[in-house]
N, C-alpha and C. Protein backbone atom coordinates (compact mmCIF):
# COMPACT_ATOMS: atom_id res chain seq x y z
N MET A 1 -199.08 150.66 -108.84
CA MET A 1 -197.98 150.34 -107.93
C MET A 1 -196.53 150.84 -108.44
N GLY A 2 -195.80 151.22 -107.57
CA GLY A 2 -194.49 151.74 -107.99
C GLY A 2 -193.46 150.81 -108.09
N THR A 3 -193.66 149.63 -107.52
CA THR A 3 -192.62 148.46 -107.66
C THR A 3 -192.98 147.30 -108.48
N ALA A 4 -192.00 146.69 -108.91
CA ALA A 4 -192.28 145.34 -109.79
C ALA A 4 -192.91 144.34 -109.05
N LEU A 5 -193.84 143.69 -109.74
CA LEU A 5 -194.64 142.75 -109.02
C LEU A 5 -194.04 141.39 -109.16
N THR A 6 -194.03 140.58 -108.23
CA THR A 6 -193.65 139.08 -108.25
C THR A 6 -194.83 138.37 -108.08
N ILE A 7 -195.48 138.08 -109.15
CA ILE A 7 -196.69 137.22 -108.97
C ILE A 7 -196.63 136.13 -110.07
N ALA A 8 -196.88 134.99 -109.51
CA ALA A 8 -196.95 133.79 -110.44
C ALA A 8 -198.58 133.35 -110.56
N VAL A 9 -198.59 132.53 -111.55
CA VAL A 9 -200.09 131.98 -111.67
C VAL A 9 -199.90 130.45 -111.71
N LYS A 10 -200.66 129.59 -110.95
CA LYS A 10 -200.47 128.26 -110.88
C LYS A 10 -201.77 127.52 -110.71
N ARG A 11 -201.96 126.34 -111.24
CA ARG A 11 -203.08 125.54 -111.10
C ARG A 11 -203.14 125.07 -109.64
N ILE A 12 -204.30 125.19 -108.98
CA ILE A 12 -204.31 124.83 -107.65
C ILE A 12 -204.13 123.31 -107.33
N HIS A 13 -204.31 122.54 -108.45
CA HIS A 13 -204.12 121.08 -108.28
C HIS A 13 -202.63 120.63 -108.24
N GLU A 14 -201.65 121.70 -108.63
CA GLU A 14 -200.32 121.42 -108.53
C GLU A 14 -199.75 121.50 -107.11
N PRO A 15 -198.90 120.76 -106.61
CA PRO A 15 -198.53 120.88 -105.19
C PRO A 15 -197.85 122.31 -104.89
N ALA A 16 -198.02 122.75 -103.78
CA ALA A 16 -197.46 123.89 -103.37
C ALA A 16 -195.85 123.77 -103.31
N GLY A 17 -195.14 124.82 -103.75
CA GLY A 17 -193.66 124.86 -103.83
C GLY A 17 -193.13 125.88 -103.05
N PRO A 18 -191.79 125.73 -102.80
CA PRO A 18 -191.11 126.66 -101.94
C PRO A 18 -191.12 128.10 -102.54
N GLY A 19 -191.21 128.22 -103.77
CA GLY A 19 -191.08 129.58 -104.35
C GLY A 19 -192.58 130.33 -104.61
N ASP A 20 -193.53 129.60 -104.08
CA ASP A 20 -194.85 130.06 -104.42
C ASP A 20 -195.11 131.41 -103.53
N GLY A 21 -194.59 131.42 -102.36
CA GLY A 21 -194.85 132.56 -101.49
C GLY A 21 -196.20 132.51 -100.93
N ALA A 22 -196.88 133.52 -100.86
CA ALA A 22 -198.32 133.77 -100.39
C ALA A 22 -199.22 133.18 -101.49
N ARG A 23 -200.09 132.18 -101.19
CA ARG A 23 -200.87 131.50 -102.24
C ARG A 23 -202.37 132.08 -102.04
N PHE A 24 -202.88 132.55 -103.12
CA PHE A 24 -204.27 133.24 -103.15
C PHE A 24 -205.09 132.47 -104.16
N LEU A 25 -206.15 131.78 -103.73
CA LEU A 25 -207.17 131.29 -104.60
C LEU A 25 -207.97 132.49 -105.07
N VAL A 26 -208.19 132.72 -106.47
CA VAL A 26 -208.86 133.71 -107.18
C VAL A 26 -210.14 133.08 -107.93
N ASP A 27 -210.66 131.99 -107.51
CA ASP A 27 -211.84 131.46 -108.13
C ASP A 27 -213.02 131.67 -107.38
N ARG A 28 -214.20 131.74 -107.97
CA ARG A 28 -215.47 132.01 -107.24
C ARG A 28 -215.81 130.79 -106.56
N LEU A 29 -215.63 129.60 -107.12
CA LEU A 29 -215.90 128.36 -106.52
C LEU A 29 -214.83 127.58 -105.87
N TRP A 30 -214.97 126.86 -104.77
CA TRP A 30 -213.89 125.98 -104.36
C TRP A 30 -213.72 124.83 -105.23
N PRO A 31 -212.38 124.66 -105.61
CA PRO A 31 -212.07 123.53 -106.53
C PRO A 31 -212.31 122.14 -106.14
N ARG A 32 -213.02 121.33 -106.74
CA ARG A 32 -213.19 119.89 -106.47
C ARG A 32 -211.96 119.16 -106.13
N GLY A 33 -211.89 118.23 -105.08
CA GLY A 33 -210.77 117.38 -104.87
C GLY A 33 -209.62 118.05 -104.28
N VAL A 34 -209.81 119.18 -103.74
CA VAL A 34 -208.56 119.95 -103.14
C VAL A 34 -209.02 120.29 -101.55
N SER A 35 -208.26 119.84 -100.81
CA SER A 35 -208.45 120.11 -99.36
C SER A 35 -207.84 121.37 -99.06
N LYS A 36 -208.53 122.04 -98.07
CA LYS A 36 -207.90 123.45 -97.65
C LYS A 36 -206.48 123.31 -97.13
N GLU A 37 -206.13 122.09 -96.53
CA GLU A 37 -204.79 121.91 -96.05
C GLU A 37 -203.85 121.77 -97.29
N LYS A 38 -204.16 120.93 -98.26
CA LYS A 38 -203.39 120.77 -99.49
C LYS A 38 -203.23 122.22 -100.26
N ALA A 39 -204.24 122.99 -100.17
CA ALA A 39 -204.25 124.23 -100.91
C ALA A 39 -203.29 125.14 -100.40
N ALA A 40 -203.07 125.10 -99.09
CA ALA A 40 -201.87 125.91 -98.42
C ALA A 40 -202.16 127.42 -98.77
N LEU A 41 -203.25 127.86 -98.58
CA LEU A 41 -203.59 129.37 -99.03
C LEU A 41 -203.26 130.26 -97.88
N ALA A 42 -202.90 131.41 -98.32
CA ALA A 42 -202.86 132.60 -97.37
C ALA A 42 -204.29 133.16 -97.23
N ALA A 43 -205.05 133.07 -98.36
CA ALA A 43 -206.46 133.58 -98.40
C ALA A 43 -207.15 133.06 -99.61
N TRP A 44 -208.53 133.03 -99.64
CA TRP A 44 -209.27 132.83 -100.79
C TRP A 44 -209.92 134.14 -101.14
N LEU A 45 -209.45 134.77 -102.21
CA LEU A 45 -209.79 136.09 -102.53
C LEU A 45 -210.98 136.09 -103.47
N ARG A 46 -212.04 135.51 -103.00
CA ARG A 46 -213.24 135.27 -103.91
C ARG A 46 -213.66 136.57 -104.54
N PRO A 47 -213.48 137.76 -103.96
CA PRO A 47 -214.16 139.04 -104.60
C PRO A 47 -213.36 139.44 -105.83
N LEU A 48 -212.09 138.81 -106.00
CA LEU A 48 -211.33 139.24 -107.20
C LEU A 48 -211.64 138.26 -108.23
N SER A 49 -212.52 137.23 -108.11
CA SER A 49 -212.84 136.40 -109.25
C SER A 49 -213.91 136.98 -110.12
N PRO A 50 -214.13 136.42 -111.26
CA PRO A 50 -215.24 137.10 -112.06
C PRO A 50 -216.58 136.70 -111.58
N SER A 51 -217.53 137.62 -111.80
CA SER A 51 -218.89 137.46 -111.26
C SER A 51 -219.55 136.14 -111.74
N ASP A 52 -220.62 135.65 -111.09
CA ASP A 52 -221.14 134.45 -111.59
C ASP A 52 -221.74 134.55 -112.91
N VAL A 53 -222.22 135.70 -113.32
CA VAL A 53 -222.87 135.90 -114.64
C VAL A 53 -221.60 135.77 -115.62
N LEU A 54 -220.69 136.41 -115.38
CA LEU A 54 -219.47 136.37 -116.31
C LEU A 54 -218.81 135.06 -116.36
N ARG A 55 -218.80 134.42 -115.33
CA ARG A 55 -218.21 132.95 -115.21
C ARG A 55 -218.99 132.05 -115.97
N LYS A 56 -220.28 132.14 -115.76
CA LYS A 56 -221.18 131.18 -116.49
C LYS A 56 -221.32 131.47 -118.08
N ALA A 57 -221.19 132.65 -118.29
CA ALA A 57 -221.37 133.06 -119.76
C ALA A 57 -220.11 132.52 -120.59
N TYR A 58 -218.99 132.53 -120.01
CA TYR A 58 -217.82 132.17 -120.61
C TYR A 58 -217.15 130.82 -120.26
N HIS A 59 -217.79 130.10 -119.39
CA HIS A 59 -217.25 128.82 -118.84
C HIS A 59 -217.10 127.99 -120.11
N GLY A 60 -215.84 127.48 -120.33
CA GLY A 60 -215.58 126.64 -121.29
C GLY A 60 -215.30 127.11 -122.61
N GLU A 61 -215.78 128.42 -122.99
CA GLU A 61 -215.81 129.06 -124.29
C GLU A 61 -214.38 129.75 -124.34
N THR A 62 -213.67 130.12 -123.22
CA THR A 62 -212.51 131.02 -123.42
C THR A 62 -211.35 130.12 -124.10
N ALA A 63 -211.29 128.88 -123.90
CA ALA A 63 -210.24 128.10 -124.48
C ALA A 63 -210.46 127.78 -125.88
N GLU A 64 -211.78 128.12 -126.36
CA GLU A 64 -212.21 127.66 -127.67
C GLU A 64 -211.82 128.66 -128.73
N SER A 65 -212.04 129.87 -128.44
CA SER A 65 -211.79 130.96 -129.43
C SER A 65 -211.17 132.18 -128.85
N ASP A 66 -210.34 132.89 -129.83
CA ASP A 66 -209.62 134.01 -129.33
C ASP A 66 -210.74 135.19 -129.11
N ALA A 67 -211.80 135.16 -129.74
CA ALA A 67 -212.74 136.27 -129.62
C ALA A 67 -213.47 136.02 -128.37
N ALA A 68 -213.77 134.74 -127.92
CA ALA A 68 -214.33 134.68 -126.64
C ALA A 68 -213.46 134.97 -125.44
N TRP A 69 -212.13 134.62 -125.65
CA TRP A 69 -211.18 135.08 -124.54
C TRP A 69 -211.02 136.55 -124.45
N ASP A 70 -210.95 137.27 -125.51
CA ASP A 70 -210.87 138.69 -125.62
C ASP A 70 -212.09 139.29 -124.94
N ALA A 71 -213.29 138.79 -125.28
CA ALA A 71 -214.45 139.29 -124.76
C ALA A 71 -214.55 139.09 -123.20
N PHE A 72 -214.12 137.89 -122.92
CA PHE A 72 -214.04 137.57 -121.41
C PHE A 72 -213.10 138.55 -120.63
N ARG A 73 -211.93 138.85 -121.19
CA ARG A 73 -211.00 139.65 -120.60
C ARG A 73 -211.52 141.04 -120.45
N ARG A 74 -212.10 141.51 -121.55
CA ARG A 74 -212.65 143.00 -121.38
C ARG A 74 -213.69 143.05 -120.46
N ALA A 75 -214.69 142.16 -120.38
CA ALA A 75 -215.86 142.16 -119.38
C ALA A 75 -215.13 142.05 -117.97
N TYR A 76 -214.21 141.09 -117.69
CA TYR A 76 -213.60 140.95 -116.38
C TYR A 76 -212.87 142.21 -115.97
N PHE A 77 -212.20 142.87 -116.93
CA PHE A 77 -211.49 143.96 -116.60
C PHE A 77 -212.34 145.05 -116.13
N ALA A 78 -213.48 145.20 -116.92
CA ALA A 78 -214.51 146.15 -116.47
C ALA A 78 -214.98 145.85 -115.13
N GLU A 79 -215.34 144.72 -114.69
CA GLU A 79 -215.68 144.39 -113.47
C GLU A 79 -214.65 144.81 -112.35
N LEU A 80 -213.42 144.47 -112.65
CA LEU A 80 -212.25 144.94 -111.73
C LEU A 80 -212.09 146.30 -111.62
N ASP A 81 -212.33 147.05 -112.68
CA ASP A 81 -212.15 148.56 -112.65
C ASP A 81 -213.29 149.16 -111.87
N VAL A 82 -214.49 148.70 -111.92
CA VAL A 82 -215.63 149.25 -111.24
C VAL A 82 -215.43 148.92 -109.68
N GLY A 83 -215.01 147.62 -109.51
CA GLY A 83 -214.76 147.11 -108.10
C GLY A 83 -215.94 147.26 -107.12
N GLY A 84 -215.57 147.50 -105.81
CA GLY A 84 -216.51 147.52 -104.89
C GLY A 84 -215.81 147.46 -103.54
N GLU A 85 -216.31 147.58 -102.50
CA GLU A 85 -215.81 147.59 -101.25
C GLU A 85 -215.07 146.25 -100.89
N GLU A 86 -215.69 145.07 -101.22
CA GLU A 86 -215.04 143.71 -100.98
C GLU A 86 -213.95 143.62 -101.87
N MET A 87 -214.00 144.02 -103.17
CA MET A 87 -212.93 143.96 -104.08
C MET A 87 -211.80 144.81 -103.71
N ARG A 88 -212.08 146.00 -103.23
CA ARG A 88 -210.95 146.79 -102.84
C ARG A 88 -210.15 146.27 -101.55
N ALA A 89 -210.97 145.66 -100.56
CA ALA A 89 -210.36 144.94 -99.60
C ALA A 89 -209.55 143.78 -100.00
N ALA A 90 -210.01 143.14 -100.86
CA ALA A 90 -209.24 141.82 -101.43
C ALA A 90 -207.99 142.42 -102.05
N LEU A 91 -208.00 143.45 -102.85
CA LEU A 91 -206.91 143.98 -103.56
C LEU A 91 -205.94 144.59 -102.53
N PHE A 92 -206.38 145.16 -101.35
CA PHE A 92 -205.47 145.57 -100.41
C PHE A 92 -204.59 144.32 -99.78
N VAL A 93 -205.41 143.27 -99.57
CA VAL A 93 -204.65 141.97 -99.04
C VAL A 93 -203.60 141.61 -100.00
N LEU A 94 -204.01 141.54 -101.33
CA LEU A 94 -203.02 141.05 -102.43
C LEU A 94 -201.94 142.02 -102.43
N ASP A 95 -202.12 143.33 -102.59
CA ASP A 95 -201.03 144.32 -102.61
C ASP A 95 -200.14 144.29 -101.42
N ALA A 96 -200.65 144.08 -100.31
CA ALA A 96 -199.87 143.90 -99.07
C ALA A 96 -198.86 142.62 -99.17
N ALA A 97 -199.41 141.56 -99.53
CA ALA A 97 -198.66 140.39 -99.74
C ALA A 97 -197.54 140.51 -100.80
N THR A 98 -197.97 141.20 -101.95
CA THR A 98 -197.02 141.46 -102.89
C THR A 98 -195.82 142.24 -102.54
N ALA A 99 -195.99 143.25 -101.66
CA ALA A 99 -195.10 144.00 -101.14
C ALA A 99 -194.13 143.23 -100.26
N ALA A 100 -194.67 142.20 -99.64
CA ALA A 100 -193.87 141.51 -98.76
C ALA A 100 -193.00 140.32 -99.32
N GLY A 101 -193.37 139.96 -100.53
CA GLY A 101 -192.59 138.92 -101.09
C GLY A 101 -193.49 138.30 -102.28
N PRO A 102 -192.98 137.16 -102.83
CA PRO A 102 -193.69 136.53 -103.89
C PRO A 102 -195.24 136.13 -103.64
N VAL A 103 -195.92 136.09 -104.65
CA VAL A 103 -197.34 135.75 -104.59
C VAL A 103 -197.57 134.81 -105.63
N THR A 104 -198.54 133.81 -105.45
CA THR A 104 -199.19 132.92 -106.57
C THR A 104 -200.59 132.96 -106.43
N LEU A 105 -201.04 133.41 -107.70
CA LEU A 105 -202.58 133.33 -107.91
C LEU A 105 -202.95 131.93 -108.32
N LEU A 106 -203.79 131.31 -107.67
CA LEU A 106 -204.28 129.88 -107.92
C LEU A 106 -205.62 129.94 -108.59
N TYR A 107 -205.78 129.09 -109.60
CA TYR A 107 -206.99 128.83 -110.33
C TYR A 107 -207.27 127.37 -110.47
N ALA A 108 -208.51 126.97 -110.83
CA ALA A 108 -208.77 125.51 -110.95
C ALA A 108 -209.14 125.16 -112.46
N ALA A 109 -209.10 126.15 -113.34
CA ALA A 109 -209.48 125.88 -114.87
C ALA A 109 -208.48 124.89 -115.39
N LYS A 110 -208.87 124.22 -116.38
CA LYS A 110 -207.99 123.28 -117.04
C LYS A 110 -207.02 124.07 -118.02
N SER A 111 -207.40 125.06 -118.47
CA SER A 111 -206.46 125.86 -119.50
C SER A 111 -205.39 126.66 -118.57
N GLU A 112 -204.13 126.29 -118.99
CA GLU A 112 -203.06 127.05 -118.34
C GLU A 112 -202.83 128.65 -118.76
N LYS A 113 -203.39 128.86 -120.01
CA LYS A 113 -203.08 130.12 -120.74
C LYS A 113 -204.41 131.13 -120.74
N ARG A 114 -205.57 130.47 -120.64
CA ARG A 114 -206.82 131.18 -120.58
C ARG A 114 -207.76 130.86 -119.44
N ASN A 115 -207.45 131.70 -118.39
CA ASN A 115 -208.18 131.46 -117.12
C ASN A 115 -208.26 132.81 -116.39
N ASN A 116 -209.04 132.97 -115.43
CA ASN A 116 -209.27 134.23 -114.73
C ASN A 116 -208.04 134.64 -114.07
N ALA A 117 -207.09 133.77 -113.65
CA ALA A 117 -206.04 134.11 -112.86
C ALA A 117 -205.00 134.77 -113.83
N VAL A 118 -204.91 134.41 -114.92
CA VAL A 118 -203.99 134.89 -116.02
C VAL A 118 -204.62 136.22 -116.48
N ALA A 119 -205.89 136.34 -116.54
CA ALA A 119 -206.44 137.74 -116.84
C ALA A 119 -206.21 138.67 -115.67
N LEU A 120 -206.44 138.15 -114.45
CA LEU A 120 -206.28 139.00 -113.21
C LEU A 120 -204.86 139.64 -113.19
N LEU A 121 -203.81 138.78 -113.50
CA LEU A 121 -202.47 139.14 -113.41
C LEU A 121 -202.18 140.16 -114.66
N GLU A 122 -202.89 140.00 -115.76
CA GLU A 122 -202.63 141.06 -116.73
C GLU A 122 -203.24 142.40 -116.28
N TRP A 123 -204.34 142.33 -115.63
CA TRP A 123 -205.11 143.51 -115.12
C TRP A 123 -204.18 144.29 -114.11
N LEU A 124 -203.60 143.46 -113.12
CA LEU A 124 -202.77 143.90 -112.13
C LEU A 124 -201.57 144.57 -112.61
N LEU A 125 -200.83 144.16 -113.66
CA LEU A 125 -199.78 144.69 -114.22
C LEU A 125 -200.09 145.96 -115.05
N GLN A 126 -201.28 146.10 -115.40
CA GLN A 126 -201.74 147.37 -116.17
C GLN A 126 -202.20 148.47 -115.29
N ARG A 127 -202.59 148.25 -114.07
CA ARG A 127 -203.17 149.28 -113.34
C ARG A 127 -202.16 150.28 -112.89
């Protein structure tokens, strides 16, 4: 992209704020205890989440070690690089929202620093 991205990352269990802009859930599974109304989503971009295989392989391990986090990121970036029709469509939605204003990527993981939304933001900034 030619412009600077205004994308934040936030845990979905935190209340929606006025500066969130368009809110996109980027998890494969719907988070427990969160209603669709409370989530205040522009969309659930499930195709941008890690595959089930990747999610299950690293669930809980990424917060434990740097090596596991690095391996997760490399594998996730490879999935994002390969993409597919659904992923390209989800990226189109995200890119359009980012061009229109601020965007917040939402996740349900407990770790604020090691989750798929943080990794996705890193990938978005590098592409």
